[in-house]
């Protein structure tokens, strides 16, 4: 209420206030919480997401080692056998060609791809380097899938051979073998799939209230130069990497 003084008399004027919008309650809604929200004037903006497509091209080989179906089946059999798993069982010969095929991430349509999660993780890790909170980045950046892994069902982004034009050829992996040392210290030969030349069209969906398209493009460049994807990447949790998995942003 506002009070106005004029000479020795008091004149009072009433100020009208807008009533809050009526909230429709459901049978299970908490009336007290909704009443508090109305009084406080809480407003939640609608999600503002946009999508950009970025063409990336490898500046180093991309190396993959997917957890194959056969390896999963062997692990399952061992766990199902329990304490009798190792008794009297002969060690099966390693099939290097089969291991090479299982090392690839193949879609249900037959083409090879990159796990969408690997690209998303690289983008999120790039946010950390520039001081942006990782927990916020996880909720603001997503990589859209073009297909799904035939074994694990994980989202994939299609791999192409370098080239220009609307119709691109699929990238073909090379059979490679590398000596490694397992966690128990025993030396082993690891069969992997290597793409010496590769590129991909990555569709990134992002929160436009937190990032601009230019921000996303710069994050992708950082991801390619400083983080990498696949085996032997720069951001490998167990080593400084092998110099694999780096990429650059190019025009399609």
C-alpha atoms as a PDB file:
ATOM      1  CA  UNK A   1       0.000   0.000   0.000  1.00  0.00           C
ATOM      2  CA  UNK A   2       1.363   3.414  -1.006  1.00  0.00           C
ATOM      3  CA  UNK A   3       0.800   6.539   1.174  1.00  0.00           C
ATOM      4  CA  UNK A   4       0.729  10.087  -0.285  1.00  0.00           C
ATOM      5  CA  UNK A   5       0.925  13.276   1.899  1.00  0.00           C
ATOM      6  CA  UNK A   6      -0.873  16.469   0.788  1.00  0.00           C
ATOM      7  CA  UNK A   7      -0.896  19.316   3.317  1.00  0.00           C
ATOM      8  CA  UNK A   8      -2.207  17.959   6.608  1.00  0.00           C
ATOM      9  CA  UNK A   9      -4.432  15.310   5.031  1.00  0.00           C
ATOM     10  CA  UNK A  10      -3.468  11.754   4.178  1.00  0.00           C
ATOM     11  CA  UNK A  11      -4.590  10.328   0.929  1.00  0.00           C
ATOM     12  CA  UNK A  12      -4.189   6.593   0.430  1.00  0.00           C
ATOM     13  CA  UNK A  13      -4.055   4.867  -2.959  1.00  0.00           C
ATOM     14  CA  UNK A  14      -4.173   1.131  -3.489  1.00  0.00           C
ATOM     15  CA  UNK A  15      -1.765  -0.575  -5.891  1.00  0.00           C
ATOM     16  CA  UNK A  16      -3.187  -3.487  -7.838  1.00  0.00           C
ATOM     17  CA  UNK A  17      -1.079  -6.634  -8.085  1.00  0.00           C
ATOM     18  CA  UNK A  18      -1.476  -9.299 -10.748  1.00  0.00           C
ATOM     19  CA  UNK A  19      -2.766 -12.605  -9.499  1.00  0.00           C
ATOM     20  CA  UNK A  20      -0.619 -15.658 -10.222  1.00  0.00           C
ATOM     21  CA  UNK A  21      -1.869 -17.950 -12.946  1.00  0.00           C
ATOM     22  CA  UNK A  22      -4.099 -20.702 -11.697  1.00  0.00           C
ATOM     23  CA  UNK A  23      -2.277 -24.051 -11.565  1.00  0.00           C
ATOM     24  CA  UNK A  24      -4.210 -27.172 -12.490  1.00  0.00           C
ATOM     25  CA  UNK A  25      -3.481 -29.947 -10.008  1.00  0.00           C
ATOM     26  CA  UNK A  26      -3.446 -33.600 -10.784  1.00  0.00           C
ATOM     27  CA  UNK A  27      -4.662 -36.271  -8.355  1.00  0.00           C
ATOM     28  CA  UNK A  28      -1.091 -37.013  -7.168  1.00  0.00           C
ATOM     29  CA  UNK A  29       0.331 -33.477  -7.159  1.00  0.00           C
ATOM     30  CA  UNK A  30       1.664 -31.946  -3.963  1.00  0.00           C
ATOM     31  CA  UNK A  31      -0.523 -28.850  -3.463  1.00  0.00           C
ATOM     32  CA  UNK A  32       1.848 -27.256  -0.963  1.00  0.00           C
ATOM     33  CA  UNK A  33       4.865 -27.427  -3.314  1.00  0.00           C
ATOM     34  CA  UNK A  34       2.908 -25.949  -6.205  1.00  0.00           C
ATOM     35  CA  UNK A  35       1.658 -23.133  -3.984  1.00  0.00           C
ATOM     36  CA  UNK A  36       5.240 -22.271  -2.977  1.00  0.00           C
ATOM     37  CA  UNK A  37       6.324 -22.320  -6.632  1.00  0.00           C
ATOM     38  CA  UNK A  38       3.501 -19.942  -7.560  1.00  0.00           C
ATOM     39  CA  UNK A  39       4.396 -17.481  -4.801  1.00  0.00           C
ATOM     40  CA  UNK A  40       8.083 -17.503  -5.734  1.00  0.00           C
ATOM     41  CA  UNK A  41       7.387 -17.049  -9.434  1.00  0.00           C
ATOM     42  CA  UNK A  42       9.571 -19.991 -10.487  1.00  0.00           C
ATOM     43  CA  UNK A  43      10.048 -20.136 -14.260  1.00  0.00           C
ATOM     44  CA  UNK A  44      11.756 -23.015 -16.126  1.00  0.00           C
ATOM     45  CA  UNK A  45      12.705 -22.270 -19.700  1.00  0.00           C
ATOM     46  CA  UNK A  46      12.106 -24.866 -22.392  1.00  0.00           C
ATOM     47  CA  UNK A  47      15.129 -26.854 -23.635  1.00  0.00           C
ATOM     48  CA  UNK A  48      16.922 -25.078 -26.468  1.00  0.00           C
ATOM     49  CA  UNK A  49      18.854 -27.742 -28.370  1.00  0.00           C
ATOM     50  CA  UNK A  50      20.427 -27.416 -31.794  1.00  0.00           C
ATOM     51  CA  UNK A  51      22.342 -29.806 -34.034  1.00  0.00           C
ATOM     52  CA  UNK A  52      25.450 -29.199 -36.135  1.00  0.00           C
ATOM     53  CA  UNK A  53      27.157 -31.597 -38.551  1.00  0.00           C
ATOM     54  CA  UNK A  54      30.951 -31.582 -38.491  1.00  0.00           C
ATOM     55  CA  UNK A  55      33.124 -33.541 -40.909  1.00  0.00           C
ATOM     56  CA  UNK A  56      36.228 -34.930 -39.224  1.00  0.00           C
ATOM     57  CA  UNK A  57      39.204 -36.519 -40.992  1.00  0.00           C
ATOM     58  CA  UNK A  58      41.913 -38.616 -39.413  1.00  0.00           C
ATOM     59  CA  UNK A  59      45.387 -37.130 -39.121  1.00  0.00           C
ATOM     60  CA  UNK A  60      46.571 -40.437 -37.638  1.00  0.00           C
ATOM     61  CA  UNK A  61      45.359 -44.048 -37.925  1.00  0.00           C
ATOM     62  CA  UNK A  62      42.227 -45.028 -36.010  1.00  0.00           C
ATOM     63  CA  UNK A  63      42.729 -48.321 -34.161  1.00  0.00           C
ATOM     64  CA  UNK A  64      39.879 -50.363 -32.697  1.00  0.00           C
ATOM     65  CA  UNK A  65      39.561 -53.355 -30.393  1.00  0.00           C
ATOM     66  CA  UNK A  66      35.894 -54.083 -29.803  1.00  0.00           C
ATOM     67  CA  UNK A  67      34.883 -56.659 -27.228  1.00  0.00           C
ATOM     68  CA  UNK A  68      33.719 -59.377 -29.622  1.00  0.00           C
ATOM     69  CA  UNK A  69      30.810 -61.768 -29.346  1.00  0.00           C
ATOM     70  CA  UNK A  70      33.054 -64.818 -29.046  1.00  0.00           C
ATOM     71  CA  UNK A  71      34.993 -63.299 -26.155  1.00  0.00           C
ATOM     72  CA  UNK A  72      31.715 -62.532 -24.389  1.00  0.00           C
ATOM     73  CA  UNK A  73      30.479 -66.091 -24.903  1.00  0.00           C
ATOM     74  CA  UNK A  74      33.739 -67.564 -23.550  1.00  0.00           C
ATOM     75  CA  UNK A  75      33.539 -65.341 -20.484  1.00  0.00           C
ATOM     76  CA  UNK A  76      29.919 -66.296 -19.935  1.00  0.00           C
ATOM     77  CA  UNK A  77      30.707 -70.028 -20.204  1.00  0.00           C
ATOM     78  CA  UNK A  78      33.540 -69.657 -17.698  1.00  0.00           C
ATOM     79  CA  UNK A  79      31.360 -67.816 -15.213  1.00  0.00           C
ATOM     80  CA  UNK A  80      28.519 -70.306 -15.672  1.00  0.00           C
ATOM     81  CA  UNK A  81      30.915 -73.235 -15.037  1.00  0.00           C
ATOM     82  CA  UNK A  82      31.996 -71.704 -11.726  1.00  0.00           C
ATOM     83  CA  UNK A  83      34.806 -73.494  -9.851  1.00  0.00           C
ATOM     84  CA  UNK A  84      35.024 -76.308 -12.444  1.00  0.00           C
ATOM     85  CA  UNK A  85      35.789 -73.923 -15.328  1.00  0.00           C
ATOM     86  CA  UNK A  86      39.555 -74.524 -15.507  1.00  0.00           C
ATOM     87  CA  UNK A  87      39.641 -78.215 -14.605  1.00  0.00           C
ATOM     88  CA  UNK A  88      40.776 -80.482 -17.435  1.00  0.00           C
ATOM     89  CA  UNK A  89      39.958 -77.941 -20.147  1.00  0.00           C
ATOM     90  CA  UNK A  90      42.385 -77.537 -23.038  1.00  0.00           C
ATOM     91  CA  UNK A  91      43.396 -74.071 -24.132  1.00  0.00           C
ATOM     92  CA  UNK A  92      41.697 -73.191 -27.409  1.00  0.00           C
ATOM     93  CA  UNK A  93      43.912 -72.069 -30.310  1.00  0.00           C
ATOM     94  CA  UNK A  94      43.697 -68.366 -31.098  1.00  0.00           C
ATOM     95  CA  UNK A  95      41.961 -67.567 -34.386  1.00  0.00           C
ATOM     96  CA  UNK A  96      43.706 -64.368 -35.490  1.00  0.00           C
ATOM     97  CA  UNK A  97      41.403 -63.743 -38.456  1.00  0.00           C
ATOM     98  CA  UNK A  98      38.305 -64.128 -36.291  1.00  0.00           C
ATOM     99  CA  UNK A  99      39.813 -61.799 -33.689  1.00  0.00           C
ATOM    100  CA  UNK A 100      40.390 -59.179 -36.387  1.00  0.00           C
ATOM    101  CA  UNK A 101      36.761 -59.291 -37.482  1.00  0.00           C
ATOM    102  CA  UNK A 102      35.533 -59.056 -33.899  1.00  0.00           C
ATOM    103  CA  UNK A 103      37.808 -56.086 -33.202  1.00  0.00           C
ATOM    104  CA  UNK A 104      35.730 -53.965 -35.595  1.00  0.00           C
ATOM    105  CA  UNK A 105      32.618 -52.016 -34.644  1.00  0.00           C
ATOM    106  CA  UNK A 106      30.168 -53.112 -37.343  1.00  0.00           C
ATOM    107  CA  UNK A 107      26.587 -51.941 -37.613  1.00  0.00           C
ATOM    108  CA  UNK A 108      23.539 -54.085 -38.235  1.00  0.00           C
ATOM    109  CA  UNK A 109      23.739 -52.828 -41.862  1.00  0.00           C
ATOM    110  CA  UNK A 110      27.322 -54.071 -42.253  1.00  0.00           C
ATOM    111  CA  UNK A 111      29.327 -50.822 -42.315  1.00  0.00           C
ATOM    112  CA  UNK A 112      32.123 -50.037 -39.857  1.00  0.00           C
ATOM    113  CA  UNK A 113      31.770 -47.194 -37.411  1.00  0.00           C
ATOM    114  CA  UNK A 114      33.027 -45.287 -34.390  1.00  0.00           C
ATOM    115  CA  UNK A 115      31.163 -45.631 -31.084  1.00  0.00           C
ATOM    116  CA  UNK A 116      29.204 -42.394 -30.647  1.00  0.00           C
ATOM    117  CA  UNK A 117      30.152 -42.494 -26.964  1.00  0.00           C
ATOM    118  CA  UNK A 118      33.860 -42.280 -27.866  1.00  0.00           C
ATOM    119  CA  UNK A 119      33.312 -39.010 -29.742  1.00  0.00           C
ATOM    120  CA  UNK A 120      31.054 -37.635 -27.015  1.00  0.00           C
ATOM    121  CA  UNK A 121      33.621 -38.518 -24.329  1.00  0.00           C
ATOM    122  CA  UNK A 122      36.311 -36.718 -26.335  1.00  0.00           C
ATOM    123  CA  UNK A 123      34.120 -33.582 -26.512  1.00  0.00           C
ATOM    124  CA  UNK A 124      33.361 -33.686 -22.791  1.00  0.00           C
ATOM    125  CA  UNK A 125      37.043 -34.193 -21.925  1.00  0.00           C
ATOM    126  CA  UNK A 126      37.871 -31.191 -24.096  1.00  0.00           C
ATOM    127  CA  UNK A 127      35.540 -29.074 -21.933  1.00  0.00           C
ATOM    128  CA  UNK A 128      37.615 -29.954 -18.877  1.00  0.00           C
ATOM    129  CA  UNK A 129      40.772 -28.534 -20.494  1.00  0.00           C
ATOM    130  CA  UNK A 130      39.170 -25.119 -20.877  1.00  0.00           C
ATOM    131  CA  UNK A 131      37.744 -25.022 -17.366  1.00  0.00           C
ATOM    132  CA  UNK A 132      34.139 -25.983 -18.178  1.00  0.00           C
ATOM    133  CA  UNK A 133      32.536 -28.297 -15.614  1.00  0.00           C
ATOM    134  CA  UNK A 134      32.451 -31.911 -16.799  1.00  0.00           C
ATOM    135  CA  UNK A 135      29.169 -32.611 -15.013  1.00  0.00           C
ATOM    136  CA  UNK A 136      27.487 -29.784 -16.954  1.00  0.00           C
ATOM    137  CA  UNK A 137      29.077 -30.807 -20.253  1.00  0.00           C
ATOM    138  CA  UNK A 138      27.663 -34.341 -19.920  1.00  0.00           C
ATOM    139  CA  UNK A 139      24.165 -32.898 -19.934  1.00  0.00           C
ATOM    140  CA  UNK A 140      24.788 -30.445 -22.778  1.00  0.00           C
ATOM    141  CA  UNK A 141      26.588 -32.366 -25.567  1.00  0.00           C
ATOM    142  CA  UNK A 142      25.412 -35.485 -27.389  1.00  0.00           C
ATOM    143  CA  UNK A 143      26.490 -37.314 -30.552  1.00  0.00           C
ATOM    144  CA  UNK A 144      23.710 -38.685 -32.734  1.00  0.00           C
ATOM    145  CA  UNK A 145      23.944 -42.257 -34.006  1.00  0.00           C
ATOM    146  CA  UNK A 146      23.723 -43.387 -37.630  1.00  0.00           C
ATOM    147  CA  UNK A 147      23.357 -47.038 -36.690  1.00  0.00           C
ATOM    148  CA  UNK A 148      23.904 -49.592 -33.939  1.00  0.00           C
ATOM    149  CA  UNK A 149      26.554 -52.220 -33.258  1.00  0.00           C
ATOM    150  CA  UNK A 150      25.485 -55.673 -34.409  1.00  0.00           C
ATOM    151  CA  UNK A 151      26.933 -57.311 -31.253  1.00  0.00           C
ATOM    152  CA  UNK A 152      26.542 -54.842 -28.391  1.00  0.00           C
ATOM    153  CA  UNK A 153      23.826 -52.585 -29.806  1.00  0.00           C
ATOM    154  CA  UNK A 154      25.854 -49.459 -28.989  1.00  0.00           C
ATOM    155  CA  UNK A 155      25.266 -46.309 -31.113  1.00  0.00           C
ATOM    156  CA  UNK A 156      27.723 -45.857 -34.012  1.00  0.00           C
ATOM    157  CA  UNK A 157      28.855 -43.067 -36.338  1.00  0.00           C
ATOM    158  CA  UNK A 158      29.671 -44.328 -39.842  1.00  0.00           C
ATOM    159  CA  UNK A 159      33.275 -44.431 -41.041  1.00  0.00           C
ATOM    160  CA  UNK A 160      34.132 -43.333 -44.578  1.00  0.00           C
ATOM    161  CA  UNK A 161      37.235 -43.391 -46.728  1.00  0.00           C
ATOM    162  CA  UNK A 162      38.617 -39.877 -47.403  1.00  0.00           C
ATOM    163  CA  UNK A 163      36.969 -38.203 -50.373  1.00  0.00           C
ATOM    164  CA  UNK A 164      34.553 -35.502 -51.454  1.00  0.00           C
ATOM    165  CA  UNK A 165      31.042 -35.564 -52.793  1.00  0.00           C
ATOM    166  CA  UNK A 166      27.653 -36.747 -51.618  1.00  0.00           C
ATOM    167  CA  UNK A 167      28.412 -40.453 -52.034  1.00  0.00           C
ATOM    168  CA  UNK A 168      31.368 -41.565 -49.937  1.00  0.00           C
ATOM    169  CA  UNK A 169      32.946 -45.010 -49.863  1.00  0.00           C
ATOM    170  CA  UNK A 170      33.024 -46.923 -46.605  1.00  0.00           C
ATOM    171  CA  UNK A 171      36.372 -47.115 -44.810  1.00  0.00           C
ATOM    172  CA  UNK A 172      38.058 -50.533 -44.796  1.00  0.00           C
ATOM    173  CA  UNK A 173      40.112 -51.736 -41.811  1.00  0.00           C
ATOM    174  CA  UNK A 174      43.560 -53.302 -41.927  1.00  0.00           C
ATOM    175  CA  UNK A 175      44.559 -56.371 -39.903  1.00  0.00           C
ATOM    176  CA  UNK A 176      47.308 -55.407 -37.421  1.00  0.00           C
ATOM    177  CA  UNK A 177      48.955 -57.301 -34.560  1.00  0.00           C
ATOM    178  CA  UNK A 178      50.781 -55.686 -31.641  1.00  0.00           C
ATOM    179  CA  UNK A 179      52.778 -57.204 -28.789  1.00  0.00           C
ATOM    180  CA  UNK A 180      51.320 -56.185 -25.434  1.00  0.00           C
ATOM    181  CA  UNK A 181      51.631 -57.094 -21.781  1.00  0.00           C
ATOM    182  CA  UNK A 182      48.468 -58.153 -19.999  1.00  0.00           C
ATOM    183  CA  UNK A 183      47.458 -56.947 -16.544  1.00  0.00           C
ATOM    184  CA  UNK A 184      48.959 -60.103 -15.003  1.00  0.00           C
ATOM    185  CA  UNK A 185      52.345 -59.352 -16.625  1.00  0.00           C
ATOM    186  CA  UNK A 186      52.120 -62.068 -19.315  1.00  0.00           C
ATOM    187  CA  UNK A 187      53.145 -61.034 -22.843  1.00  0.00           C
ATOM    188  CA  UNK A 188      50.482 -61.406 -25.503  1.00  0.00           C
ATOM    189  CA  UNK A 189      49.683 -60.558 -29.133  1.00  0.00           C
ATOM    190  CA  UNK A 190      46.728 -58.236 -29.557  1.00  0.00           C
ATOM    191  CA  UNK A 191      44.841 -58.320 -32.871  1.00  0.00           C
ATOM    192  CA  UNK A 192      43.317 -54.956 -33.786  1.00  0.00           C
ATOM    193  CA  UNK A 193      41.538 -53.241 -36.674  1.00  0.00           C
ATOM    194  CA  UNK A 194      43.353 -50.193 -38.074  1.00  0.00           C
ATOM    195  CA  UNK A 195      41.913 -47.539 -40.386  1.00  0.00           C
ATOM    196  CA  UNK A 196      44.918 -45.796 -41.898  1.00  0.00           C
ATOM    197  CA  UNK A 197      42.771 -43.200 -43.660  1.00  0.00           C
ATOM    198  CA  UNK A 198      39.320 -42.327 -42.428  1.00  0.00           C
ATOM    199  CA  UNK A 199      36.702 -39.640 -41.982  1.00  0.00           C
ATOM    200  CA  UNK A 200      33.223 -39.303 -40.493  1.00  0.00           C
ATOM    201  CA  UNK A 201      30.237 -36.951 -40.513  1.00  0.00           C
ATOM    202  CA  UNK A 202      29.473 -36.280 -36.865  1.00  0.00           C
ATOM    203  CA  UNK A 203      26.124 -34.793 -35.866  1.00  0.00           C
ATOM    204  CA  UNK A 204      26.422 -33.080 -32.490  1.00  0.00           C
ATOM    205  CA  UNK A 205      23.294 -32.105 -30.565  1.00  0.00           C
ATOM    206  CA  UNK A 206      23.991 -29.416 -27.957  1.00  0.00           C
ATOM    207  CA  UNK A 207      22.341 -27.066 -25.488  1.00  0.00           C
ATOM    208  CA  UNK A 208      22.290 -23.721 -27.308  1.00  0.00           C
ATOM    209  CA  UNK A 209      21.871 -21.868 -23.996  1.00  0.00           C
ATOM    210  CA  UNK A 210      25.318 -23.122 -22.972  1.00  0.00           C
ATOM    211  CA  UNK A 211      27.223 -23.410 -26.275  1.00  0.00           C
ATOM    212  CA  UNK A 212      27.241 -21.806 -29.714  1.00  0.00           C
ATOM    213  CA  UNK A 213      27.886 -23.727 -32.964  1.00  0.00           C
ATOM    214  CA  UNK A 214      31.374 -22.145 -33.018  1.00  0.00           C
ATOM    215  CA  UNK A 215      31.998 -23.435 -29.465  1.00  0.00           C
ATOM    216  CA  UNK A 216      31.100 -26.974 -30.538  1.00  0.00           C
ATOM    217  CA  UNK A 217      33.370 -26.764 -33.601  1.00  0.00           C
ATOM    218  CA  UNK A 218      36.259 -25.559 -31.424  1.00  0.00           C
ATOM    219  CA  UNK A 219      35.631 -28.355 -28.920  1.00  0.00           C
ATOM    220  CA  UNK A 220      35.743 -30.871 -31.773  1.00  0.00           C
ATOM    221  CA  UNK A 221      39.068 -29.455 -32.943  1.00  0.00           C
ATOM    222  CA  UNK A 222      40.470 -29.747 -29.424  1.00  0.00           C
ATOM    223  CA  UNK A 223      39.123 -33.287 -29.148  1.00  0.00           C
ATOM    224  CA  UNK A 224      40.947 -34.258 -32.340  1.00  0.00           C
ATOM    225  CA  UNK A 225      44.235 -32.572 -31.458  1.00  0.00           C
ATOM    226  CA  UNK A 226      44.454 -33.190 -27.711  1.00  0.00           C
ATOM    227  CA  UNK A 227      42.242 -36.146 -26.759  1.00  0.00           C
ATOM    228  CA  UNK A 228      41.776 -38.546 -29.685  1.00  0.00           C
ATOM    229  CA  UNK A 229      39.575 -41.642 -30.009  1.00  0.00           C
ATOM    230  CA  UNK A 230      40.108 -45.388 -30.099  1.00  0.00           C
ATOM    231  CA  UNK A 231      43.087 -47.480 -29.007  1.00  0.00           C
ATOM    232  CA  UNK A 232      46.386 -45.717 -28.280  1.00  0.00           C
ATOM    233  CA  UNK A 233      44.798 -42.259 -28.116  1.00  0.00           C
ATOM    234  CA  UNK A 234      46.544 -39.366 -26.401  1.00  0.00           C
ATOM    235  CA  UNK A 235      44.051 -39.401 -23.515  1.00  0.00           C
ATOM    236  CA  UNK A 236      44.441 -43.135 -22.883  1.00  0.00           C
ATOM    237  CA  UNK A 237      43.865 -43.931 -19.174  1.00  0.00           C
ATOM    238  CA  UNK A 238      46.800 -46.366 -19.000  1.00  0.00           C
ATOM    239  CA  UNK A 239      49.490 -44.596 -21.032  1.00  0.00           C
ATOM    240  CA  UNK A 240      50.395 -41.498 -23.015  1.00  0.00           C
ATOM    241  CA  UNK A 241      49.045 -43.195 -26.130  1.00  0.00           C
ATOM    242  CA  UNK A 242      50.587 -44.456 -29.348  1.00  0.00           C
ATOM    243  CA  UNK A 243      49.886 -41.386 -31.484  1.00  0.00           C
ATOM    244  CA  UNK A 244      46.698 -42.916 -32.891  1.00  0.00           C
ATOM    245  CA  UNK A 245      43.149 -41.564 -33.088  1.00  0.00           C
ATOM    246  CA  UNK A 246      43.876 -37.893 -33.861  1.00  0.00           C
ATOM    247  CA  UNK A 247      41.695 -35.984 -36.323  1.00  0.00           C
ATOM    248  CA  UNK A 248      40.913 -32.550 -37.741  1.00  0.00           C
ATOM    249  CA  UNK A 249      37.738 -30.719 -38.751  1.00  0.00           C
ATOM    250  CA  UNK A 250      37.297 -30.264 -42.503  1.00  0.00           C
ATOM    251  CA  UNK A 251      34.637 -29.085 -44.923  1.00  0.00           C
ATOM    252  CA  UNK A 252      32.554 -31.826 -46.468  1.00  0.00           C
END
